[in-house]
């Protein structure tokens, strides 16, 4: 089973790629620039980490206009990166674009790095959403593109332990786009807690 892997240069999506490589599963990393504050550092990190780990070279999709219109703390530096983090439609857009890419490549699955629902803050991080998104994508494309969530049984601490055991390093998981993690955004708090 080959799949499109939605990647960000962060720990979760990179770990999914490493797991696929270990299991000798073909995967096609897709990085989506949705106008996020951290887009450039995420993209640079994504390319470097994939190269260093011998993972497939990521493809970049430019949808940066999304973040200029749909503003949140992740897309606009004048909003609070933590308090205003919810970006409506973001994960649905990721799954739709990943599925369209999978359709184009003749694949039947797209992976997203969602973690256990116990730590979900937003409605588009839950399995209910994934099932509804999968149904909508099938209706839109005329064939089923499975949405796979390889890390759905994991909390962030589990991901960090597994990544360390596999020697994964060099990822970037801060929403600000600053060189040093801010320690305050949801990604940092999740990662360092």
N, C-alpha and C. Protein backbone atom coordinates (compact mmCIF):
# COMPACT_ATOMS: atom_id res chain seq x y z
N UNK A 1 0.84 -1.18 0.00
CA UNK A 1 0.00 0.00 0.00
C UNK A 1 0.88 1.24 0.00
N UNK A 2 0.86 2.00 -1.06
CA UNK A 2 1.57 3.27 -1.15
C UNK A 2 0.64 4.39 -0.69
N UNK A 3 1.21 5.48 -0.22
CA UNK A 3 0.36 6.58 0.24
C UNK A 3 1.06 7.93 0.10
N UNK A 4 0.27 8.98 0.09
CA UNK A 4 0.77 10.35 0.18
C UNK A 4 0.89 10.66 1.67
N UNK A 5 2.04 11.19 2.07
CA UNK A 5 2.27 11.56 3.46
C UNK A 5 2.27 13.08 3.55
N UNK A 6 1.32 13.64 4.28
CA UNK A 6 1.27 15.08 4.50
C UNK A 6 2.38 15.45 5.48
N UNK A 7 3.37 16.20 5.01
CA UNK A 7 4.56 16.47 5.81
C UNK A 7 4.71 17.96 6.09
N UNK A 8 5.39 18.25 7.21
CA UNK A 8 5.59 19.63 7.62
C UNK A 8 7.03 19.91 8.05
N UNK A 9 7.87 18.89 8.07
CA UNK A 9 9.19 19.05 8.66
C UNK A 9 9.17 18.80 10.15
N UNK A 10 7.99 18.49 10.69
CA UNK A 10 7.83 18.23 12.12
C UNK A 10 8.05 16.77 12.47
N UNK A 11 8.02 16.51 13.74
CA UNK A 11 8.31 15.18 14.27
C UNK A 11 7.30 14.12 13.82
N UNK A 12 6.01 14.45 13.90
CA UNK A 12 4.97 13.45 13.63
C UNK A 12 5.02 12.95 12.19
N UNK A 13 4.99 13.88 11.24
CA UNK A 13 4.96 13.46 9.83
C UNK A 13 6.28 12.82 9.41
N UNK A 14 7.38 13.26 9.97
CA UNK A 14 8.66 12.65 9.65
C UNK A 14 8.73 11.23 10.19
N UNK A 15 8.19 11.03 11.39
CA UNK A 15 8.16 9.69 11.97
C UNK A 15 7.32 8.75 11.09
N UNK A 16 6.20 9.23 10.58
CA UNK A 16 5.38 8.41 9.67
C UNK A 16 6.21 7.99 8.45
N UNK A 17 6.97 8.93 7.90
CA UNK A 17 7.84 8.61 6.78
C UNK A 17 8.89 7.57 7.12
N UNK A 18 9.49 7.71 8.30
CA UNK A 18 10.50 6.73 8.74
C UNK A 18 9.90 5.34 8.92
N UNK A 19 8.70 5.30 9.50
CA UNK A 19 8.03 4.02 9.70
C UNK A 19 7.72 3.36 8.36
N UNK A 20 7.28 4.16 7.39
CA UNK A 20 6.98 3.63 6.05
C UNK A 20 8.26 3.10 5.40
N UNK A 21 9.34 3.85 5.55
CA UNK A 21 10.62 3.42 4.97
C UNK A 21 11.05 2.08 5.58
N UNK A 22 10.95 1.97 6.90
CA UNK A 22 11.33 0.73 7.58
C UNK A 22 10.49 -0.45 7.12
N UNK A 23 9.21 -0.18 6.83
CA UNK A 23 8.31 -1.24 6.37
C UNK A 23 8.33 -1.40 4.85
N UNK A 24 9.24 -0.68 4.19
CA UNK A 24 9.42 -0.72 2.74
C UNK A 24 8.12 -0.39 2.00
N UNK A 25 7.43 0.63 2.50
CA UNK A 25 6.19 1.11 1.88
C UNK A 25 6.51 2.39 1.12
N UNK A 26 6.16 2.41 -0.15
CA UNK A 26 6.37 3.63 -0.94
C UNK A 26 5.46 4.73 -0.41
N UNK A 27 6.05 5.90 -0.23
CA UNK A 27 5.26 7.04 0.22
C UNK A 27 5.75 8.30 -0.48
N UNK A 28 4.83 9.21 -0.66
CA UNK A 28 5.07 10.42 -1.44
C UNK A 28 4.79 11.62 -0.55
N UNK A 29 5.85 12.24 0.00
CA UNK A 29 5.66 13.36 0.91
C UNK A 29 5.13 14.60 0.19
N UNK A 30 4.11 15.20 0.75
CA UNK A 30 3.52 16.43 0.21
C UNK A 30 3.54 17.50 1.30
N UNK A 31 4.24 18.58 1.02
CA UNK A 31 4.30 19.73 1.92
C UNK A 31 3.35 20.79 1.38
N UNK A 32 2.48 21.29 2.24
CA UNK A 32 1.52 22.32 1.82
C UNK A 32 1.85 23.63 2.51
N UNK A 33 2.19 24.62 1.68
CA UNK A 33 2.36 25.98 2.18
C UNK A 33 0.98 26.62 2.12
N UNK A 34 0.35 26.76 3.29
CA UNK A 34 -1.00 27.34 3.34
C UNK A 34 -0.95 28.78 3.85
N UNK A 35 0.24 29.38 3.79
CA UNK A 35 0.41 30.74 4.28
C UNK A 35 0.73 30.81 5.75
N UNK A 36 1.20 29.69 6.31
CA UNK A 36 1.54 29.65 7.72
C UNK A 36 2.79 30.47 8.01
N UNK A 37 2.86 31.01 9.21
CA UNK A 37 4.00 31.83 9.63
C UNK A 37 5.32 31.07 9.49
N UNK A 38 5.29 29.79 9.74
CA UNK A 38 6.51 28.99 9.75
C UNK A 38 6.79 28.31 8.40
N UNK A 39 6.12 28.71 7.35
CA UNK A 39 6.22 28.00 6.07
C UNK A 39 7.66 27.82 5.59
N UNK A 40 8.45 28.86 5.60
CA UNK A 40 9.80 28.76 5.04
C UNK A 40 10.69 27.83 5.85
N UNK A 41 10.69 28.00 7.17
CA UNK A 41 11.55 27.14 7.99
C UNK A 41 11.03 25.69 7.98
N UNK A 42 9.71 25.51 7.92
CA UNK A 42 9.17 24.16 7.81
C UNK A 42 9.62 23.50 6.51
N UNK A 43 9.53 24.24 5.40
CA UNK A 43 9.90 23.69 4.09
C UNK A 43 11.39 23.36 4.06
N UNK A 44 12.22 24.29 4.52
CA UNK A 44 13.66 24.05 4.54
C UNK A 44 14.01 22.84 5.41
N UNK A 45 13.38 22.76 6.58
CA UNK A 45 13.61 21.63 7.48
C UNK A 45 13.14 20.34 6.85
N UNK A 46 11.97 20.38 6.24
CA UNK A 46 11.39 19.19 5.61
C UNK A 46 12.35 18.63 4.55
N UNK A 47 12.85 19.48 3.69
CA UNK A 47 13.78 19.03 2.65
C UNK A 47 15.05 18.44 3.25
N UNK A 48 15.61 19.14 4.25
CA UNK A 48 16.87 18.69 4.86
C UNK A 48 16.68 17.37 5.61
N UNK A 49 15.63 17.25 6.40
CA UNK A 49 15.40 16.04 7.18
C UNK A 49 15.14 14.84 6.26
N UNK A 50 14.35 15.05 5.21
CA UNK A 50 14.09 13.95 4.28
C UNK A 50 15.38 13.49 3.60
N UNK A 51 16.22 14.44 3.24
CA UNK A 51 17.50 14.08 2.60
C UNK A 51 18.38 13.33 3.58
N UNK A 52 18.50 13.85 4.81
CA UNK A 52 19.37 13.22 5.82
C UNK A 52 18.92 11.82 6.20
N UNK A 53 17.62 11.57 6.16
CA UNK A 53 17.09 10.27 6.57
C UNK A 53 16.89 9.31 5.39
N UNK A 54 17.21 9.78 4.19
CA UNK A 54 17.02 8.94 3.02
C UNK A 54 15.55 8.72 2.67
N UNK A 55 14.71 9.68 3.03
CA UNK A 55 13.29 9.62 2.70
C UNK A 55 13.08 10.27 1.34
N UNK A 56 11.98 9.98 0.67
CA UNK A 56 11.72 10.58 -0.64
C UNK A 56 11.69 12.11 -0.55
N UNK A 57 12.12 12.74 -1.62
CA UNK A 57 12.11 14.21 -1.67
C UNK A 57 10.67 14.70 -1.65
N UNK A 58 10.37 15.67 -0.77
CA UNK A 58 9.00 16.16 -0.69
C UNK A 58 8.62 17.04 -1.89
N UNK A 59 7.35 17.01 -2.22
CA UNK A 59 6.77 17.91 -3.22
C UNK A 59 6.09 19.03 -2.47
N UNK A 60 6.23 20.26 -2.98
CA UNK A 60 5.63 21.42 -2.33
C UNK A 60 4.42 21.89 -3.12
N UNK A 61 3.32 22.12 -2.42
CA UNK A 61 2.12 22.69 -3.01
C UNK A 61 1.92 24.08 -2.40
N UNK A 62 1.82 25.09 -3.25
CA UNK A 62 1.68 26.47 -2.78
C UNK A 62 0.22 26.88 -2.75
N UNK A 63 -0.32 26.93 -1.54
CA UNK A 63 -1.68 27.43 -1.31
C UNK A 63 -1.62 28.58 -0.31
N UNK A 64 -0.55 29.36 -0.42
CA UNK A 64 -0.29 30.41 0.57
C UNK A 64 -1.39 31.46 0.67
N UNK A 65 -2.18 31.60 -0.37
CA UNK A 65 -3.29 32.55 -0.31
C UNK A 65 -4.32 32.19 0.75
N UNK A 66 -4.42 30.92 1.09
CA UNK A 66 -5.35 30.49 2.13
C UNK A 66 -5.10 31.26 3.43
N UNK A 67 -3.85 31.34 3.84
CA UNK A 67 -3.50 31.99 5.10
C UNK A 67 -3.63 33.51 5.06
N UNK A 68 -3.68 34.09 3.88
CA UNK A 68 -3.91 35.53 3.78
C UNK A 68 -5.38 35.86 3.98
N UNK A 69 -6.25 34.92 3.67
CA UNK A 69 -7.69 35.13 3.78
C UNK A 69 -8.24 34.53 5.07
N UNK A 70 -7.81 33.32 5.40
CA UNK A 70 -8.25 32.63 6.62
C UNK A 70 -7.17 32.85 7.67
N UNK A 71 -7.36 33.89 8.46
CA UNK A 71 -6.30 34.26 9.39
C UNK A 71 -6.49 33.57 10.75
N UNK A 72 -5.36 33.27 11.34
CA UNK A 72 -5.33 32.67 12.67
C UNK A 72 -3.96 33.00 13.26
N UNK A 73 -3.72 32.53 14.45
CA UNK A 73 -2.41 32.72 15.06
C UNK A 73 -1.32 31.98 14.31
N UNK A 74 -1.68 30.98 13.50
CA UNK A 74 -0.69 30.24 12.71
C UNK A 74 -0.33 30.96 11.42
N UNK A 75 -1.21 31.88 10.97
CA UNK A 75 -0.99 32.54 9.68
C UNK A 75 -0.72 34.04 9.80
N UNK A 76 -0.98 34.61 10.96
CA UNK A 76 -0.85 36.06 11.11
C UNK A 76 -0.12 36.38 12.41
N UNK A 77 1.01 37.05 12.29
CA UNK A 77 1.83 37.33 13.47
C UNK A 77 1.19 38.34 14.43
N UNK A 78 0.12 39.00 13.99
CA UNK A 78 -0.55 39.96 14.88
C UNK A 78 -1.59 39.29 15.78
N UNK A 79 -1.84 38.01 15.54
CA UNK A 79 -2.73 37.24 16.40
C UNK A 79 -1.88 36.35 17.31
N UNK A 80 -2.46 35.94 18.42
CA UNK A 80 -1.74 35.10 19.38
C UNK A 80 -1.59 33.68 18.82
N UNK A 81 -0.36 33.22 18.72
CA UNK A 81 -0.06 31.93 18.12
C UNK A 81 -0.69 30.77 18.87
N UNK A 82 -0.96 30.95 20.15
CA UNK A 82 -1.59 29.88 20.94
C UNK A 82 -3.10 30.07 21.05
N UNK A 83 -3.52 31.21 21.53
CA UNK A 83 -4.95 31.47 21.77
C UNK A 83 -5.75 31.42 20.48
N UNK A 84 -5.19 31.93 19.41
CA UNK A 84 -5.87 32.02 18.12
C UNK A 84 -5.39 30.96 17.13
N UNK A 85 -4.97 29.81 17.64
CA UNK A 85 -4.35 28.79 16.78
C UNK A 85 -5.31 28.09 15.82
N UNK A 86 -6.57 27.95 16.19
CA UNK A 86 -7.49 27.21 15.31
C UNK A 86 -7.58 27.91 13.96
N UNK A 87 -7.33 27.14 12.91
CA UNK A 87 -7.37 27.64 11.54
C UNK A 87 -8.47 26.86 10.83
N UNK A 88 -9.67 27.45 10.70
CA UNK A 88 -10.81 26.72 10.16
C UNK A 88 -10.54 26.16 8.77
N UNK A 89 -10.82 24.88 8.61
CA UNK A 89 -10.68 24.23 7.31
C UNK A 89 -9.30 23.72 6.98
N UNK A 90 -8.33 23.97 7.82
CA UNK A 90 -6.95 23.62 7.51
C UNK A 90 -6.76 22.12 7.29
N UNK A 91 -7.18 21.28 8.24
CA UNK A 91 -6.97 19.85 8.07
C UNK A 91 -7.82 19.28 6.94
N UNK A 92 -9.01 19.83 6.72
CA UNK A 92 -9.82 19.39 5.58
C UNK A 92 -9.11 19.73 4.27
N UNK A 93 -8.54 20.93 4.20
CA UNK A 93 -7.79 21.32 3.01
C UNK A 93 -6.60 20.39 2.82
N UNK A 94 -5.87 20.08 3.90
CA UNK A 94 -4.74 19.16 3.79
C UNK A 94 -5.19 17.82 3.21
N UNK A 95 -6.28 17.28 3.76
CA UNK A 95 -6.74 15.97 3.30
C UNK A 95 -7.24 16.02 1.86
N UNK A 96 -7.92 17.09 1.50
CA UNK A 96 -8.40 17.22 0.13
C UNK A 96 -7.23 17.32 -0.85
N UNK A 97 -6.25 18.15 -0.53
CA UNK A 97 -5.10 18.31 -1.43
C UNK A 97 -4.26 17.03 -1.47
N UNK A 98 -4.07 16.39 -0.32
CA UNK A 98 -3.33 15.13 -0.28
C UNK A 98 -4.04 14.05 -1.07
N UNK A 99 -5.36 14.03 -0.98
CA UNK A 99 -6.15 13.03 -1.72
C UNK A 99 -6.13 13.31 -3.21
N UNK A 100 -6.18 14.57 -3.59
CA UNK A 100 -6.10 14.92 -5.01
C UNK A 100 -4.74 14.49 -5.57
N UNK A 101 -3.69 14.70 -4.78
CA UNK A 101 -2.35 14.27 -5.20
C UNK A 101 -2.29 12.74 -5.30
N UNK A 102 -2.87 12.06 -4.32
CA UNK A 102 -2.93 10.59 -4.35
C UNK A 102 -3.69 10.12 -5.59
N UNK A 103 -4.81 10.75 -5.89
CA UNK A 103 -5.60 10.42 -7.07
C UNK A 103 -4.73 10.58 -8.32
N UNK A 104 -4.02 11.69 -8.40
CA UNK A 104 -3.15 11.99 -9.55
C UNK A 104 -2.06 10.93 -9.72
N UNK A 105 -1.55 10.42 -8.60
CA UNK A 105 -0.48 9.42 -8.62
C UNK A 105 -1.01 7.98 -8.73
N UNK A 106 -2.33 7.83 -8.69
CA UNK A 106 -2.91 6.50 -8.75
C UNK A 106 -2.84 5.76 -7.43
N UNK A 107 -2.76 6.49 -6.33
CA UNK A 107 -2.69 5.90 -4.99
C UNK A 107 -4.07 5.92 -4.34
N UNK A 108 -4.21 5.17 -3.28
CA UNK A 108 -5.53 5.08 -2.64
C UNK A 108 -5.53 5.54 -1.18
N UNK A 109 -4.43 6.16 -0.70
CA UNK A 109 -4.38 6.57 0.70
C UNK A 109 -3.59 7.86 0.88
N UNK A 110 -3.97 8.59 1.92
CA UNK A 110 -3.24 9.78 2.34
C UNK A 110 -3.09 9.69 3.86
N UNK A 111 -1.89 9.99 4.36
CA UNK A 111 -1.61 9.92 5.80
C UNK A 111 -1.52 11.31 6.41
N UNK A 112 -2.09 11.43 7.59
CA UNK A 112 -2.01 12.68 8.35
C UNK A 112 -1.58 12.32 9.78
N UNK A 113 -0.74 13.15 10.35
CA UNK A 113 -0.13 12.86 11.65
C UNK A 113 -0.96 13.26 12.85
N UNK A 114 -2.21 12.83 12.90
CA UNK A 114 -3.04 13.11 14.06
C UNK A 114 -2.65 12.17 15.20
N UNK A 115 -2.70 12.70 16.42
CA UNK A 115 -2.39 11.91 17.61
C UNK A 115 -3.67 11.54 18.33
N UNK A 116 -3.55 10.81 19.43
CA UNK A 116 -4.72 10.34 20.16
C UNK A 116 -5.68 11.49 20.48
N UNK A 117 -6.96 11.20 20.41
CA UNK A 117 -7.98 12.23 20.61
C UNK A 117 -7.95 12.83 22.00
N UNK A 118 -7.33 12.15 22.94
CA UNK A 118 -7.22 12.67 24.30
C UNK A 118 -6.55 14.05 24.29
N UNK A 119 -5.68 14.30 23.32
CA UNK A 119 -4.96 15.56 23.26
C UNK A 119 -5.48 16.48 22.16
N UNK A 120 -6.59 16.12 21.51
CA UNK A 120 -7.16 16.94 20.44
C UNK A 120 -7.77 18.21 21.01
N UNK A 121 -7.41 19.33 20.41
CA UNK A 121 -7.98 20.61 20.83
C UNK A 121 -9.07 21.08 19.87
N UNK A 122 -9.01 20.62 18.63
CA UNK A 122 -9.88 21.15 17.59
C UNK A 122 -10.71 20.03 16.96
N UNK A 123 -11.87 20.37 16.41
CA UNK A 123 -12.75 19.34 15.85
C UNK A 123 -12.13 18.59 14.67
N UNK A 124 -11.21 19.21 13.96
CA UNK A 124 -10.61 18.54 12.79
C UNK A 124 -9.38 17.70 13.14
N UNK A 125 -9.31 17.28 14.41
CA UNK A 125 -8.23 16.40 14.85
C UNK A 125 -8.79 15.07 15.39
N UNK A 126 -10.06 14.83 15.12
CA UNK A 126 -10.72 13.65 15.70
C UNK A 126 -11.12 12.66 14.62
N UNK A 127 -11.30 11.40 15.02
CA UNK A 127 -11.65 10.35 14.06
C UNK A 127 -13.02 10.58 13.42
N UNK A 128 -13.93 11.22 14.13
CA UNK A 128 -15.23 11.56 13.54
C UNK A 128 -15.02 12.43 12.31
N UNK A 129 -14.17 13.44 12.44
CA UNK A 129 -13.84 14.31 11.31
C UNK A 129 -13.18 13.53 10.19
N UNK A 130 -12.24 12.66 10.52
CA UNK A 130 -11.53 11.87 9.50
C UNK A 130 -12.53 11.04 8.69
N UNK A 131 -13.47 10.40 9.36
CA UNK A 131 -14.47 9.58 8.65
C UNK A 131 -15.34 10.44 7.73
N UNK A 132 -15.76 11.59 8.21
CA UNK A 132 -16.58 12.49 7.39
C UNK A 132 -15.77 13.04 6.21
N UNK A 133 -14.51 13.39 6.45
CA UNK A 133 -13.65 13.90 5.37
C UNK A 133 -13.44 12.83 4.31
N UNK A 134 -13.21 11.61 4.75
CA UNK A 134 -13.01 10.50 3.81
C UNK A 134 -14.25 10.31 2.94
N UNK A 135 -15.43 10.39 3.54
CA UNK A 135 -16.68 10.24 2.79
C UNK A 135 -16.84 11.39 1.79
N UNK A 136 -16.54 12.61 2.21
CA UNK A 136 -16.66 13.76 1.30
C UNK A 136 -15.67 13.65 0.15
N UNK A 137 -14.47 13.21 0.43
CA UNK A 137 -13.45 13.05 -0.62
C UNK A 137 -13.89 11.99 -1.62
N UNK A 138 -14.45 10.90 -1.12
CA UNK A 138 -14.94 9.86 -2.04
C UNK A 138 -16.06 10.41 -2.92
N UNK A 139 -16.97 11.19 -2.33
CA UNK A 139 -18.05 11.79 -3.12
C UNK A 139 -17.50 12.76 -4.16
N UNK A 140 -16.46 13.49 -3.80
CA UNK A 140 -15.88 14.48 -4.71
C UNK A 140 -15.06 13.86 -5.83
N UNK A 141 -14.42 12.73 -5.56
CA UNK A 141 -13.48 12.15 -6.53
C UNK A 141 -14.01 10.90 -7.22
N UNK A 142 -15.11 10.37 -6.72
CA UNK A 142 -15.69 9.21 -7.35
C UNK A 142 -14.98 7.90 -7.04
N UNK A 143 -14.06 7.95 -6.11
CA UNK A 143 -13.43 6.72 -5.64
C UNK A 143 -12.87 6.96 -4.23
N UNK A 144 -12.72 5.88 -3.50
CA UNK A 144 -12.29 6.00 -2.11
C UNK A 144 -10.80 6.27 -2.03
N UNK A 145 -10.46 7.32 -1.31
CA UNK A 145 -9.08 7.60 -0.91
C UNK A 145 -9.09 7.49 0.61
N UNK A 146 -8.47 6.45 1.13
CA UNK A 146 -8.45 6.23 2.58
C UNK A 146 -7.61 7.29 3.27
N UNK A 147 -8.08 7.75 4.41
CA UNK A 147 -7.30 8.65 5.26
C UNK A 147 -6.73 7.78 6.36
N UNK A 148 -5.41 7.67 6.39
CA UNK A 148 -4.78 6.85 7.41
C UNK A 148 -4.13 7.74 8.47
N UNK A 149 -4.20 7.27 9.69
CA UNK A 149 -3.70 8.01 10.86
C UNK A 149 -2.78 7.10 11.66
N UNK A 150 -1.56 6.88 11.17
CA UNK A 150 -0.66 5.90 11.80
C UNK A 150 -0.30 6.18 13.26
N UNK A 151 -0.47 7.42 13.70
CA UNK A 151 -0.06 7.78 15.07
C UNK A 151 -1.25 8.00 16.00
N UNK A 152 -2.45 7.62 15.59
CA UNK A 152 -3.66 7.95 16.34
C UNK A 152 -3.70 7.31 17.73
N UNK A 153 -2.92 6.30 17.97
CA UNK A 153 -2.88 5.67 19.30
C UNK A 153 -1.81 6.30 20.19
N UNK A 154 -1.06 7.26 19.67
CA UNK A 154 0.08 7.84 20.37
C UNK A 154 -0.25 9.21 20.94
N UNK A 155 0.32 9.50 22.10
CA UNK A 155 0.40 10.86 22.61
C UNK A 155 1.75 11.42 22.18
N UNK A 156 1.97 12.70 22.38
CA UNK A 156 3.23 13.31 21.94
C UNK A 156 4.43 12.69 22.63
N UNK A 157 4.30 12.35 23.91
CA UNK A 157 5.42 11.72 24.63
C UNK A 157 5.80 10.39 23.98
N UNK A 158 4.79 9.63 23.52
CA UNK A 158 5.05 8.36 22.82
C UNK A 158 5.82 8.61 21.52
N UNK A 159 5.39 9.64 20.79
CA UNK A 159 6.04 9.98 19.52
C UNK A 159 7.49 10.38 19.77
N UNK A 160 7.71 11.19 20.79
CA UNK A 160 9.07 11.64 21.10
C UNK A 160 9.95 10.44 21.45
N UNK A 161 9.44 9.53 22.27
CA UNK A 161 10.22 8.33 22.65
C UNK A 161 10.54 7.47 21.43
N UNK A 162 9.55 7.22 20.59
CA UNK A 162 9.75 6.39 19.41
C UNK A 162 10.72 7.04 18.43
N UNK A 163 10.57 8.33 18.24
CA UNK A 163 11.47 9.06 17.34
C UNK A 163 12.91 9.01 17.86
N UNK A 164 13.09 9.18 19.16
CA UNK A 164 14.42 9.12 19.76
C UNK A 164 15.02 7.72 19.58
N UNK A 165 14.20 6.70 19.78
CA UNK A 165 14.68 5.32 19.63
C UNK A 165 15.12 5.04 18.19
N UNK A 166 14.52 5.73 17.24
CA UNK A 166 14.85 5.54 15.83
C UNK A 166 15.96 6.51 15.37
N UNK A 167 16.42 7.37 16.28
CA UNK A 167 17.47 8.31 15.93
C UNK A 167 17.01 9.49 15.10
N UNK A 168 15.73 9.79 15.14
CA UNK A 168 15.19 10.91 14.37
C UNK A 168 15.54 12.22 15.05
N UNK A 169 16.12 13.13 14.31
CA UNK A 169 16.45 14.45 14.86
C UNK A 169 16.41 15.48 13.73
N UNK A 170 16.47 16.74 14.12
CA UNK A 170 16.54 17.82 13.13
C UNK A 170 15.21 18.33 12.64
N UNK A 171 14.10 17.89 13.26
CA UNK A 171 12.79 18.35 12.83
C UNK A 171 12.48 19.73 13.42
N UNK A 172 11.41 20.34 12.96
CA UNK A 172 10.99 21.66 13.45
C UNK A 172 9.50 21.62 13.75
N UNK A 173 9.11 22.02 14.97
CA UNK A 173 7.70 21.91 15.37
C UNK A 173 7.16 23.15 16.07
N UNK A 174 7.60 24.33 15.72
CA UNK A 174 7.09 25.56 16.33
C UNK A 174 6.26 26.33 15.30
N UNK A 175 5.12 26.87 15.72
CA UNK A 175 4.23 27.57 14.80
C UNK A 175 4.67 29.00 14.47
N UNK A 176 5.64 29.55 15.20
CA UNK A 176 6.01 30.95 14.98
C UNK A 176 6.90 31.15 13.76
N UNK A 177 7.66 30.13 13.41
CA UNK A 177 8.61 30.28 12.31
C UNK A 177 9.93 30.88 12.76
N UNK A 178 10.08 31.11 14.06
CA UNK A 178 11.35 31.63 14.57
C UNK A 178 12.39 30.51 14.57
N UNK A 179 13.65 30.88 14.51
CA UNK A 179 14.72 29.90 14.49
C UNK A 179 14.70 29.02 15.73
N UNK A 180 14.50 29.64 16.87
CA UNK A 180 14.40 28.89 18.13
C UNK A 180 12.94 28.69 18.49
N UNK A 181 12.55 27.49 18.92
CA UNK A 181 11.16 27.27 19.32
C UNK A 181 10.74 28.27 20.39
N UNK A 182 9.51 28.77 20.26
CA UNK A 182 9.03 29.82 21.17
C UNK A 182 8.72 29.31 22.57
N UNK A 183 8.35 28.03 22.67
CA UNK A 183 8.01 27.45 23.97
C UNK A 183 6.61 27.78 24.44
N UNK A 184 5.82 28.53 23.65
CA UNK A 184 4.49 28.97 24.06
C UNK A 184 3.37 28.50 23.15
N UNK A 185 3.66 28.23 21.88
CA UNK A 185 2.60 27.82 20.97
C UNK A 185 2.16 26.40 21.29
N UNK A 186 1.06 25.98 20.71
CA UNK A 186 0.53 24.64 20.99
C UNK A 186 1.54 23.56 20.63
N UNK A 187 2.22 23.72 19.48
CA UNK A 187 3.19 22.71 19.07
C UNK A 187 4.34 22.61 20.08
N UNK A 188 4.83 23.74 20.54
CA UNK A 188 5.93 23.71 21.52
C UNK A 188 5.46 23.12 22.85
N UNK A 189 4.31 23.55 23.31
CA UNK A 189 3.80 23.06 24.59
C UNK A 189 3.56 21.55 24.53
N UNK A 190 3.06 21.09 23.40
CA UNK A 190 2.82 19.66 23.21
C UNK A 190 4.14 18.90 23.18
N UNK A 191 5.12 19.48 22.51
CA UNK A 191 6.41 18.81 22.33
C UNK A 191 7.22 18.78 23.62
N UNK A 192 7.20 19.88 24.37
CA UNK A 192 8.05 19.99 25.55
C UNK A 192 7.35 19.56 26.85
N UNK A 193 6.07 19.18 26.76
CA UNK A 193 5.39 18.80 28.01
C UNK A 193 5.62 17.35 28.35
